[in-house]
Amino acid sequence: DTIECPLWARPHMARHSFALKWFSILSVVWSRQLEGFTDREK
């Protein structure tokens, strides 16, 4: 009761973490797919 623990979780944090992970991955994929395209083509 006198110390704060830095590790904890709620159920919906898993969904938020899933979204962050795939946003990161999809951003890499998207940036690679658009290499060499003009702004209009993008």
ModelCIF file with pLDDT and N, C-alpha, C, O atoms, coordinates in Angstrom:
data_MODEL
#
_entry.id   MODEL 
#
_entity.id                         1 
_entity.type                       polymer 
_entity.pdbx_number_of_molecules   1 
#
_entity_poly.entity_id                      1 
_entity_poly.type                           'polypeptide(L)' 
_entity_poly.nstd_linkage                   no 
_entity_poly.nstd_monomer                   no 
_entity_poly.pdbx_seq_one_letter_code       DTIECPLWARPHMARHSFALKWFSILSVVWSRQLEGFTDREK 
_entity_poly.pdbx_seq_one_letter_code_can   DTIECPLWARPHMARHSFALKWFSILSVVWSRQLEGFTDREK 
_entity_poly.pdbx_strand_id                 A 
#
loop_
_entity_poly_seq.entity_id 
_entity_poly_seq.num 
_entity_poly_seq.mon_id 
_entity_poly_seq.hetero 
1 1  ASP n 
1 2  THR n 
1 3  ILE n 
1 4  GLU n 
1 5  CYS n 
1 6  PRO n 
1 7  LEU n 
1 8  TRP n 
1 9  ALA n 
1 10 ARG n 
1 11 PRO n 
1 12 HIS n 
1 13 MET n 
1 14 ALA n 
1 15 ARG n 
1 16 HIS n 
1 17 SER n 
1 18 PHE n 
1 19 ALA n 
1 20 LEU n 
1 21 LYS n 
1 22 TRP n 
1 23 PHE n 
1 24 SER n 
1 25 ILE n 
1 26 LEU n 
1 27 SER n 
1 28 VAL n 
1 29 VAL n 
1 30 TRP n 
1 31 SER n 
1 32 ARG n 
1 33 GLN n 
1 34 LEU n 
1 35 GLU n 
1 36 GLY n 
1 37 PHE n 
1 38 THR n 
1 39 ASP n 
1 40 ARG n 
1 41 GLU n 
1 42 LYS n 
#
_struct_asym.id          A 
_struct_asym.entity_id   1 
#
loop_
_ma_qa_metric.id 
_ma_qa_metric.mode 
_ma_qa_metric.name 
_ma_qa_metric.software_group_id 
_ma_qa_metric.type 
1 global pLDDT . pLDDT 
2 local  pLDDT . pLDDT 
#
_ma_qa_metric_global.metric_id      1 
_ma_qa_metric_global.metric_value   75.12 
_ma_qa_metric_global.model_id       1 
_ma_qa_metric_global.ordinal_id     1 
#
loop_
_ma_qa_metric_local.label_asym_id 
_ma_qa_metric_local.label_comp_id 
_ma_qa_metric_local.label_seq_id 
_ma_qa_metric_local.metric_id 
_ma_qa_metric_local.metric_value 
_ma_qa_metric_local.model_id 
_ma_qa_metric_local.ordinal_id 
A ASP 1  2 70.00 1 1  
A THR 2  2 73.00 1 2  
A ILE 3  2 81.00 1 3  
A GLU 4  2 84.00 1 4  
A CYS 5  2 88.00 1 5  
A PRO 6  2 89.00 1 6  
A LEU 7  2 91.00 1 7  
A TRP 8  2 91.00 1 8  
A ALA 9  2 93.00 1 9  
A ARG 10 2 92.00 1 10 
A PRO 11 2 92.00 1 11 
A HIS 12 2 89.00 1 12 
A MET 13 2 90.00 1 13 
A ALA 14 2 93.00 1 14 
A ARG 15 2 92.00 1 15 
A HIS 16 2 88.00 1 16 
A SER 17 2 88.00 1 17 
A PHE 18 2 90.00 1 18 
A ALA 19 2 87.00 1 19 
A LEU 20 2 84.00 1 20 
A LYS 21 2 84.00 1 21 
A TRP 22 2 83.00 1 22 
A PHE 23 2 81.00 1 23 
A SER 24 2 76.00 1 24 
A ILE 25 2 75.00 1 25 
A LEU 26 2 76.00 1 26 
A SER 27 2 72.00 1 27 
A VAL 28 2 67.00 1 28 
A VAL 29 2 65.00 1 29 
A TRP 30 2 59.00 1 30 
A SER 31 2 59.00 1 31 
A ARG 32 2 56.00 1 32 
A GLN 33 2 54.00 1 33 
A LEU 34 2 52.00 1 34 
A GLU 35 2 56.00 1 35 
A GLY 36 2 55.00 1 36 
A PHE 37 2 54.00 1 37 
A THR 38 2 60.00 1 38 
A ASP 39 2 60.00 1 39 
A ARG 40 2 62.00 1 40 
A GLU 41 2 53.00 1 41 
A LYS 42 2 51.00 1 42 
#
loop_
_atom_site.group_PDB 
_atom_site.id 
_atom_site.type_symbol 
_atom_site.label_atom_id 
_atom_site.label_alt_id 
_atom_site.label_comp_id 
_atom_site.label_asym_id 
_atom_site.label_entity_id 
_atom_site.label_seq_id 
_atom_site.pdbx_PDB_ins_code 
_atom_site.Cartn_x 
_atom_site.Cartn_y 
_atom_site.Cartn_z 
_atom_site.occupancy 
_atom_site.B_iso_or_equiv 
_atom_site.pdbx_formal_charge 
_atom_site.auth_seq_id 
_atom_site.auth_comp_id 
_atom_site.auth_asym_id 
_atom_site.auth_atom_id 
_atom_site.pdbx_PDB_model_num 
ATOM 1   N N  . ASP A 1 1  ? 0.812  -1.214 0.000   1.00 70.00 ? 1  ASP A N  1 
ATOM 2   C CA . ASP A 1 1  ? 0.000  0.000  0.000   1.00 70.00 ? 1  ASP A CA 1 
ATOM 3   C C  . ASP A 1 1  ? 0.851  1.272  0.000   1.00 70.00 ? 1  ASP A C  1 
ATOM 4   O O  . ASP A 1 1  ? 0.330  2.374  -0.167  1.00 70.00 ? 1  ASP A O  1 
ATOM 5   N N  . THR A 1 2  ? 2.159  1.111  0.188   1.00 73.00 ? 2  THR A N  1 
ATOM 6   C CA . THR A 1 2  ? 3.020  2.285  0.305   1.00 73.00 ? 2  THR A CA 1 
ATOM 7   C C  . THR A 1 2  ? 3.961  2.459  -0.875  1.00 73.00 ? 2  THR A C  1 
ATOM 8   O O  . THR A 1 2  ? 4.768  3.388  -0.891  1.00 73.00 ? 2  THR A O  1 
ATOM 9   N N  . ILE A 1 3  ? 3.869  1.587  -1.852  1.00 81.00 ? 3  ILE A N  1 
ATOM 10  C CA . ILE A 1 3  ? 4.757  1.680  -3.009  1.00 81.00 ? 3  ILE A CA 1 
ATOM 11  C C  . ILE A 1 3  ? 3.945  1.504  -4.288  1.00 81.00 ? 3  ILE A C  1 
ATOM 12  O O  . ILE A 1 3  ? 3.029  0.684  -4.346  1.00 81.00 ? 3  ILE A O  1 
ATOM 13  N N  . GLU A 1 4  ? 4.286  2.268  -5.289  1.00 84.00 ? 4  GLU A N  1 
ATOM 14  C CA . GLU A 1 4  ? 3.574  2.185  -6.563  1.00 84.00 ? 4  GLU A CA 1 
ATOM 15  C C  . GLU A 1 4  ? 4.315  1.246  -7.499  1.00 84.00 ? 4  GLU A C  1 
ATOM 16  O O  . GLU A 1 4  ? 5.523  1.371  -7.703  1.00 84.00 ? 4  GLU A O  1 
ATOM 17  N N  . CYS A 1 5  ? 3.571  0.305  -8.062  1.00 88.00 ? 5  CYS A N  1 
ATOM 18  C CA . CYS A 1 5  ? 4.173  -0.656 -8.979  1.00 88.00 ? 5  CYS A CA 1 
ATOM 19  C C  . CYS A 1 5  ? 4.069  -0.127 -10.407 1.00 88.00 ? 5  CYS A C  1 
ATOM 20  O O  . CYS A 1 5  ? 2.990  0.296  -10.822 1.00 88.00 ? 5  CYS A O  1 
ATOM 21  N N  . PRO A 1 6  ? 5.162  -0.141 -11.165 1.00 89.00 ? 6  PRO A N  1 
ATOM 22  C CA . PRO A 1 6  ? 5.129  0.405  -12.527 1.00 89.00 ? 6  PRO A CA 1 
ATOM 23  C C  . PRO A 1 6  ? 4.558  -0.557 -13.560 1.00 89.00 ? 6  PRO A C  1 
ATOM 24  O O  . PRO A 1 6  ? 4.463  -0.208 -14.737 1.00 89.00 ? 6  PRO A O  1 
ATOM 25  N N  . LEU A 1 7  ? 4.176  -1.764 -13.141 1.00 91.00 ? 7  LEU A N  1 
ATOM 26  C CA . LEU A 1 7  ? 3.679  -2.765 -14.090 1.00 91.00 ? 7  LEU A CA 1 
ATOM 27  C C  . LEU A 1 7  ? 2.248  -3.145 -13.731 1.00 91.00 ? 7  LEU A C  1 
ATOM 28  O O  . LEU A 1 7  ? 1.986  -3.611 -12.622 1.00 91.00 ? 7  LEU A O  1 
ATOM 29  N N  . TRP A 1 8  ? 1.334  -2.949 -14.657 1.00 91.00 ? 8  TRP A N  1 
ATOM 30  C CA . TRP A 1 8  ? -0.072 -3.291 -14.458 1.00 91.00 ? 8  TRP A CA 1 
ATOM 31  C C  . TRP A 1 8  ? -0.731 -3.361 -15.831 1.00 91.00 ? 8  TRP A C  1 
ATOM 32  O O  . TRP A 1 8  ? -0.127 -2.987 -16.836 1.00 91.00 ? 8  TRP A O  1 
ATOM 33  N N  . ALA A 1 9  ? -1.965 -3.840 -15.867 1.00 93.00 ? 9  ALA A N  1 
ATOM 34  C CA . ALA A 1 9  ? -2.661 -3.948 -17.162 1.00 93.00 ? 9  ALA A CA 1 
ATOM 35  C C  . ALA A 1 9  ? -4.162 -3.938 -16.951 1.00 93.00 ? 9  ALA A C  1 
ATOM 36  O O  . ALA A 1 9  ? -4.671 -4.387 -15.923 1.00 93.00 ? 9  ALA A O  1 
ATOM 37  N N  . ARG A 1 10 ? -4.849 -3.421 -17.937 1.00 92.00 ? 10 ARG A N  1 
ATOM 38  C CA . ARG A 1 10 ? -6.304 -3.539 -18.053 1.00 92.00 ? 10 ARG A CA 1 
ATOM 39  C C  . ARG A 1 10 ? -6.597 -4.259 -19.365 1.00 92.00 ? 10 ARG A C  1 
ATOM 40  O O  . ARG A 1 10 ? -5.775 -4.227 -20.281 1.00 92.00 ? 10 ARG A O  1 
ATOM 41  N N  . PRO A 1 11 ? -7.752 -4.905 -19.469 1.00 92.00 ? 11 PRO A N  1 
ATOM 42  C CA . PRO A 1 11 ? -8.042 -5.671 -20.688 1.00 92.00 ? 11 PRO A CA 1 
ATOM 43  C C  . PRO A 1 11 ? -7.911 -4.865 -21.968 1.00 92.00 ? 11 PRO A C  1 
ATOM 44  O O  . PRO A 1 11 ? -7.362 -5.365 -22.950 1.00 92.00 ? 11 PRO A O  1 
ATOM 45  N N  . HIS A 1 12 ? -8.402 -3.623 -21.985 1.00 89.00 ? 12 HIS A N  1 
ATOM 46  C CA . HIS A 1 12 ? -8.435 -2.874 -23.234 1.00 89.00 ? 12 HIS A CA 1 
ATOM 47  C C  . HIS A 1 12 ? -7.046 -2.398 -23.656 1.00 89.00 ? 12 HIS A C  1 
ATOM 48  O O  . HIS A 1 12 ? -6.851 -2.011 -24.808 1.00 89.00 ? 12 HIS A O  1 
ATOM 49  N N  . MET A 1 13 ? -6.084 -2.423 -22.738 1.00 90.00 ? 13 MET A N  1 
ATOM 50  C CA . MET A 1 13 ? -4.718 -2.058 -23.110 1.00 90.00 ? 13 MET A CA 1 
ATOM 51  C C  . MET A 1 13 ? -4.156 -3.034 -24.132 1.00 90.00 ? 13 MET A C  1 
ATOM 52  O O  . MET A 1 13 ? -3.296 -2.667 -24.934 1.00 90.00 ? 13 MET A O  1 
ATOM 53  N N  . ALA A 1 14 ? -4.635 -4.280 -24.111 1.00 93.00 ? 14 ALA A N  1 
ATOM 54  C CA . ALA A 1 14 ? -4.184 -5.256 -25.103 1.00 93.00 ? 14 ALA A CA 1 
ATOM 55  C C  . ALA A 1 14 ? -4.613 -4.824 -26.503 1.00 93.00 ? 14 ALA A C  1 
ATOM 56  O O  . ALA A 1 14 ? -3.850 -4.967 -27.459 1.00 93.00 ? 14 ALA A O  1 
ATOM 57  N N  . ARG A 1 15 ? -5.820 -4.302 -26.624 1.00 92.00 ? 15 ARG A N  1 
ATOM 58  C CA . ARG A 1 15 ? -6.312 -3.829 -27.930 1.00 92.00 ? 15 ARG A CA 1 
ATOM 59  C C  . ARG A 1 15 ? -5.535 -2.603 -28.387 1.00 92.00 ? 15 ARG A C  1 
ATOM 60  O O  . ARG A 1 15 ? -5.183 -2.490 -29.562 1.00 92.00 ? 15 ARG A O  1 
ATOM 61  N N  . HIS A 1 16 ? -5.267 -1.689 -27.467 1.00 88.00 ? 16 HIS A N  1 
ATOM 62  C CA . HIS A 1 16 ? -4.474 -0.509 -27.813 1.00 88.00 ? 16 HIS A CA 1 
ATOM 63  C C  . HIS A 1 16 ? -3.079 -0.921 -28.283 1.00 88.00 ? 16 HIS A C  1 
ATOM 64  O O  . HIS A 1 16 ? -2.549 -0.372 -29.249 1.00 88.00 ? 16 HIS A O  1 
ATOM 65  N N  . SER A 1 17 ? -2.492 -1.897 -27.583 1.00 88.00 ? 17 SER A N  1 
ATOM 66  C CA . SER A 1 17 ? -1.154 -2.348 -27.943 1.00 88.00 ? 17 SER A CA 1 
ATOM 67  C C  . SER A 1 17 ? -1.151 -3.032 -29.305 1.00 88.00 ? 17 SER A C  1 
ATOM 68  O O  . SER A 1 17 ? -0.211 -2.873 -30.084 1.00 88.00 ? 17 SER A O  1 
ATOM 69  N N  . PHE A 1 18 ? -2.200 -3.788 -29.586 1.00 90.00 ? 18 PHE A N  1 
ATOM 70  C CA . PHE A 1 18 ? -2.351 -4.419 -30.899 1.00 90.00 ? 18 PHE A CA 1 
ATOM 71  C C  . PHE A 1 18 ? -2.385 -3.361 -31.990 1.00 90.00 ? 18 PHE A C  1 
ATOM 72  O O  . PHE A 1 18 ? -1.732 -3.501 -33.024 1.00 90.00 ? 18 PHE A O  1 
ATOM 73  N N  . ALA A 1 19 ? -3.150 -2.301 -31.755 1.00 87.00 ? 19 ALA A N  1 
ATOM 74  C CA . ALA A 1 19 ? -3.264 -1.229 -32.746 1.00 87.00 ? 19 ALA A CA 1 
ATOM 75  C C  . ALA A 1 19 ? -1.919 -0.553 -32.976 1.00 87.00 ? 19 ALA A C  1 
ATOM 76  O O  . ALA A 1 19 ? -1.546 -0.279 -34.117 1.00 87.00 ? 19 ALA A O  1 
ATOM 77  N N  . LEU A 1 20 ? -1.186 -0.281 -31.894 1.00 84.00 ? 20 LEU A N  1 
ATOM 78  C CA . LEU A 1 20 ? 0.110  0.372  -32.026 1.00 84.00 ? 20 LEU A CA 1 
ATOM 79  C C  . LEU A 1 20 ? 1.090  -0.507 -32.798 1.00 84.00 ? 20 LEU A C  1 
ATOM 80  O O  . LEU A 1 20 ? 1.816  -0.018 -33.664 1.00 84.00 ? 20 LEU A O  1 
ATOM 81  N N  . LYS A 1 21 ? 1.112  -1.789 -32.488 1.00 84.00 ? 21 LYS A N  1 
ATOM 82  C CA . LYS A 1 21 ? 2.030  -2.708 -33.166 1.00 84.00 ? 21 LYS A CA 1 
ATOM 83  C C  . LYS A 1 21 ? 1.767  -2.724 -34.666 1.00 84.00 ? 21 LYS A C  1 
ATOM 84  O O  . LYS A 1 21 ? 2.698  -2.605 -35.463 1.00 84.00 ? 21 LYS A O  1 
ATOM 85  N N  . TRP A 1 22 ? 0.514  -2.869 -35.048 1.00 83.00 ? 22 TRP A N  1 
ATOM 86  C CA . TRP A 1 22 ? 0.206  -2.985 -36.472 1.00 83.00 ? 22 TRP A CA 1 
ATOM 87  C C  . TRP A 1 22 ? 0.293  -1.648 -37.195 1.00 83.00 ? 22 TRP A C  1 
ATOM 88  O O  . TRP A 1 22 ? 0.575  -1.615 -38.393 1.00 83.00 ? 22 TRP A O  1 
ATOM 89  N N  . PHE A 1 23 ? 0.055  -0.547 -36.490 1.00 81.00 ? 23 PHE A N  1 
ATOM 90  C CA . PHE A 1 23 ? 0.294  0.756  -37.108 1.00 81.00 ? 23 PHE A CA 1 
ATOM 91  C C  . PHE A 1 23 ? 1.775  0.897  -37.447 1.00 81.00 ? 23 PHE A C  1 
ATOM 92  O O  . PHE A 1 23 ? 2.137  1.401  -38.510 1.00 81.00 ? 23 PHE A O  1 
ATOM 93  N N  . SER A 1 24 ? 2.628  0.444  -36.524 1.00 76.00 ? 24 SER A N  1 
ATOM 94  C CA . SER A 1 24 ? 4.070  0.506  -36.758 1.00 76.00 ? 24 SER A CA 1 
ATOM 95  C C  . SER A 1 24 ? 4.464  -0.336 -37.964 1.00 76.00 ? 24 SER A C  1 
ATOM 96  O O  . SER A 1 24 ? 5.201  0.118  -38.839 1.00 76.00 ? 24 SER A O  1 
ATOM 97  N N  . ILE A 1 25 ? 3.964  -1.569 -38.000 1.00 75.00 ? 25 ILE A N  1 
ATOM 98  C CA . ILE A 1 25 ? 4.314  -2.474 -39.089 1.00 75.00 ? 25 ILE A CA 1 
ATOM 99  C C  . ILE A 1 25 ? 3.749  -1.992 -40.417 1.00 75.00 ? 25 ILE A C  1 
ATOM 100 O O  . ILE A 1 25 ? 4.454  -1.977 -41.426 1.00 75.00 ? 25 ILE A O  1 
ATOM 101 N N  . LEU A 1 26 ? 2.481  -1.598 -40.421 1.00 76.00 ? 26 LEU A N  1 
ATOM 102 C CA . LEU A 1 26 ? 1.852  -1.149 -41.667 1.00 76.00 ? 26 LEU A CA 1 
ATOM 103 C C  . LEU A 1 26 ? 2.521  0.115  -42.204 1.00 76.00 ? 26 LEU A C  1 
ATOM 104 O O  . LEU A 1 26 ? 2.600  0.313  -43.416 1.00 76.00 ? 26 LEU A O  1 
ATOM 105 N N  . SER A 1 27 ? 3.001  0.967  -41.302 1.00 72.00 ? 27 SER A N  1 
ATOM 106 C CA . SER A 1 27 ? 3.684  2.179  -41.748 1.00 72.00 ? 27 SER A CA 1 
ATOM 107 C C  . SER A 1 27 ? 4.964  1.827  -42.489 1.00 72.00 ? 27 SER A C  1 
ATOM 108 O O  . SER A 1 27 ? 5.301  2.456  -43.492 1.00 72.00 ? 27 SER A O  1 
ATOM 109 N N  . VAL A 1 28 ? 5.681  0.813  -41.991 1.00 67.00 ? 28 VAL A N  1 
ATOM 110 C CA . VAL A 1 28 ? 6.888  0.369  -42.678 1.00 67.00 ? 28 VAL A CA 1 
ATOM 111 C C  . VAL A 1 28 ? 6.531  -0.183 -44.052 1.00 67.00 ? 28 VAL A C  1 
ATOM 112 O O  . VAL A 1 28 ? 7.162  0.161  -45.051 1.00 67.00 ? 28 VAL A O  1 
ATOM 113 N N  . VAL A 1 29 ? 5.510  -1.044 -44.094 1.00 65.00 ? 29 VAL A N  1 
ATOM 114 C CA . VAL A 1 29 ? 5.095  -1.649 -45.367 1.00 65.00 ? 29 VAL A CA 1 
ATOM 115 C C  . VAL A 1 29 ? 4.665  -0.577 -46.356 1.00 65.00 ? 29 VAL A C  1 
ATOM 116 O O  . VAL A 1 29 ? 5.050  -0.614 -47.524 1.00 65.00 ? 29 VAL A O  1 
ATOM 117 N N  . TRP A 1 30 ? 3.864  0.382  -45.888 1.00 59.00 ? 30 TRP A N  1 
ATOM 118 C CA . TRP A 1 30 ? 3.340  1.419  -46.777 1.00 59.00 ? 30 TRP A CA 1 
ATOM 119 C C  . TRP A 1 30 ? 4.463  2.301  -47.323 1.00 59.00 ? 30 TRP A C  1 
ATOM 120 O O  . TRP A 1 30 ? 4.488  2.641  -48.506 1.00 59.00 ? 30 TRP A O  1 
ATOM 121 N N  . SER A 1 31 ? 5.391  2.662  -46.435 1.00 59.00 ? 31 SER A N  1 
ATOM 122 C CA . SER A 1 31 ? 6.472  3.533  -46.884 1.00 59.00 ? 31 SER A CA 1 
ATOM 123 C C  . SER A 1 31 ? 7.330  2.834  -47.931 1.00 59.00 ? 31 SER A C  1 
ATOM 124 O O  . SER A 1 31 ? 7.815  3.485  -48.856 1.00 59.00 ? 31 SER A O  1 
ATOM 125 N N  . ARG A 1 32 ? 7.528  1.526  -47.808 1.00 56.00 ? 32 ARG A N  1 
ATOM 126 C CA . ARG A 1 32 ? 8.307  0.786  -48.792 1.00 56.00 ? 32 ARG A CA 1 
ATOM 127 C C  . ARG A 1 32 ? 7.564  0.668  -50.112 1.00 56.00 ? 32 ARG A C  1 
ATOM 128 O O  . ARG A 1 32 ? 8.166  0.733  -51.184 1.00 56.00 ? 32 ARG A O  1 
ATOM 129 N N  . GLN A 1 33 ? 6.242  0.492  -50.023 1.00 54.00 ? 33 GLN A N  1 
ATOM 130 C CA . GLN A 1 33 ? 5.457  0.339  -51.247 1.00 54.00 ? 33 GLN A CA 1 
ATOM 131 C C  . GLN A 1 33 ? 5.427  1.616  -52.083 1.00 54.00 ? 33 GLN A C  1 
ATOM 132 O O  . GLN A 1 33 ? 5.282  1.563  -53.304 1.00 54.00 ? 33 GLN A O  1 
ATOM 133 N N  . LEU A 1 34 ? 5.564  2.757  -51.423 1.00 52.00 ? 34 LEU A N  1 
ATOM 134 C CA . LEU A 1 34 ? 5.416  4.032  -52.124 1.00 52.00 ? 34 LEU A CA 1 
ATOM 135 C C  . LEU A 1 34 ? 6.734  4.639  -52.576 1.00 52.00 ? 34 LEU A C  1 
ATOM 136 O O  . LEU A 1 34 ? 6.759  5.737  -53.132 1.00 52.00 ? 34 LEU A O  1 
ATOM 137 N N  . GLU A 1 35 ? 7.828  3.929  -52.339 1.00 56.00 ? 35 GLU A N  1 
ATOM 138 C CA . GLU A 1 35 ? 9.115  4.463  -52.765 1.00 56.00 ? 35 GLU A CA 1 
ATOM 139 C C  . GLU A 1 35 ? 9.149  4.633  -54.288 1.00 56.00 ? 35 GLU A C  1 
ATOM 140 O O  . GLU A 1 35 ? 8.805  3.711  -55.028 1.00 56.00 ? 35 GLU A O  1 
ATOM 141 N N  . GLY A 1 36 ? 9.564  5.814  -54.747 1.00 55.00 ? 36 GLY A N  1 
ATOM 142 C CA . GLY A 1 36 ? 9.661  6.070  -56.179 1.00 55.00 ? 36 GLY A CA 1 
ATOM 143 C C  . GLY A 1 36 ? 8.401  6.651  -56.801 1.00 55.00 ? 36 GLY A C  1 
ATOM 144 O O  . GLY A 1 36 ? 8.434  7.070  -57.958 1.00 55.00 ? 36 GLY A O  1 
ATOM 145 N N  . PHE A 1 37 ? 7.282  6.690  -56.061 1.00 54.00 ? 37 PHE A N  1 
ATOM 146 C CA . PHE A 1 37 ? 6.050  7.258  -56.603 1.00 54.00 ? 37 PHE A CA 1 
ATOM 147 C C  . PHE A 1 37 ? 6.019  8.767  -56.377 1.00 54.00 ? 37 PHE A C  1 
ATOM 148 O O  . PHE A 1 37 ? 6.568  9.279  -55.401 1.00 54.00 ? 37 PHE A O  1 
ATOM 149 N N  . THR A 1 38 ? 5.368  9.460  -57.299 1.00 60.00 ? 38 THR A N  1 
ATOM 150 C CA . THR A 1 38 ? 5.171  10.895 -57.129 1.00 60.00 ? 38 THR A CA 1 
ATOM 151 C C  . THR A 1 38 ? 4.036  11.116 -56.137 1.00 60.00 ? 38 THR A C  1 
ATOM 152 O O  . THR A 1 38 ? 3.303  10.187 -55.796 1.00 60.00 ? 38 THR A O  1 
ATOM 153 N N  . ASP A 1 39 ? 3.901  12.359 -55.678 1.00 60.00 ? 39 ASP A N  1 
ATOM 154 C CA . ASP A 1 39 ? 2.819  12.681 -54.738 1.00 60.00 ? 39 ASP A CA 1 
ATOM 155 C C  . ASP A 1 39 ? 1.455  12.398 -55.363 1.00 60.00 ? 39 ASP A C  1 
ATOM 156 O O  . ASP A 1 39 ? 0.549  11.908 -54.689 1.00 60.00 ? 39 ASP A O  1 
ATOM 157 N N  . ARG A 1 40 ? 1.312  12.707 -56.654 1.00 62.00 ? 40 ARG A N  1 
ATOM 158 C CA . ARG A 1 40 ? 0.038  12.458 -57.341 1.00 62.00 ? 40 ARG A CA 1 
ATOM 159 C C  . ARG A 1 40 ? -0.259 10.957 -57.382 1.00 62.00 ? 40 ARG A C  1 
ATOM 160 O O  . ARG A 1 40 ? -1.393 10.536 -57.149 1.00 62.00 ? 40 ARG A O  1 
ATOM 161 N N  . GLU A 1 41 ? 0.756  10.161 -57.676 1.00 53.00 ? 41 GLU A N  1 
ATOM 162 C CA . GLU A 1 41 ? 0.568  8.717  -57.741 1.00 53.00 ? 41 GLU A CA 1 
ATOM 163 C C  . GLU A 1 41 ? 0.250  8.138  -56.351 1.00 53.00 ? 41 GLU A C  1 
ATOM 164 O O  . GLU A 1 41 ? -0.542 7.204  -56.226 1.00 53.00 ? 41 GLU A O  1 
ATOM 165 N N  . LYS A 1 42 ? 0.864  8.694  -55.337 1.00 51.00 ? 42 LYS A N  1 
ATOM 166 C CA . LYS A 1 42 ? 0.578  8.231  -53.980 1.00 51.00 ? 42 LYS A CA 1 
ATOM 167 C C  . LYS A 1 42 ? -0.875 8.509  -53.607 1.00 51.00 ? 42 LYS A C  1 
ATOM 168 O O  . LYS A 1 42 ? -1.300 8.187  -52.498 1.00 51.00 ? 42 LYS A O  1 
#
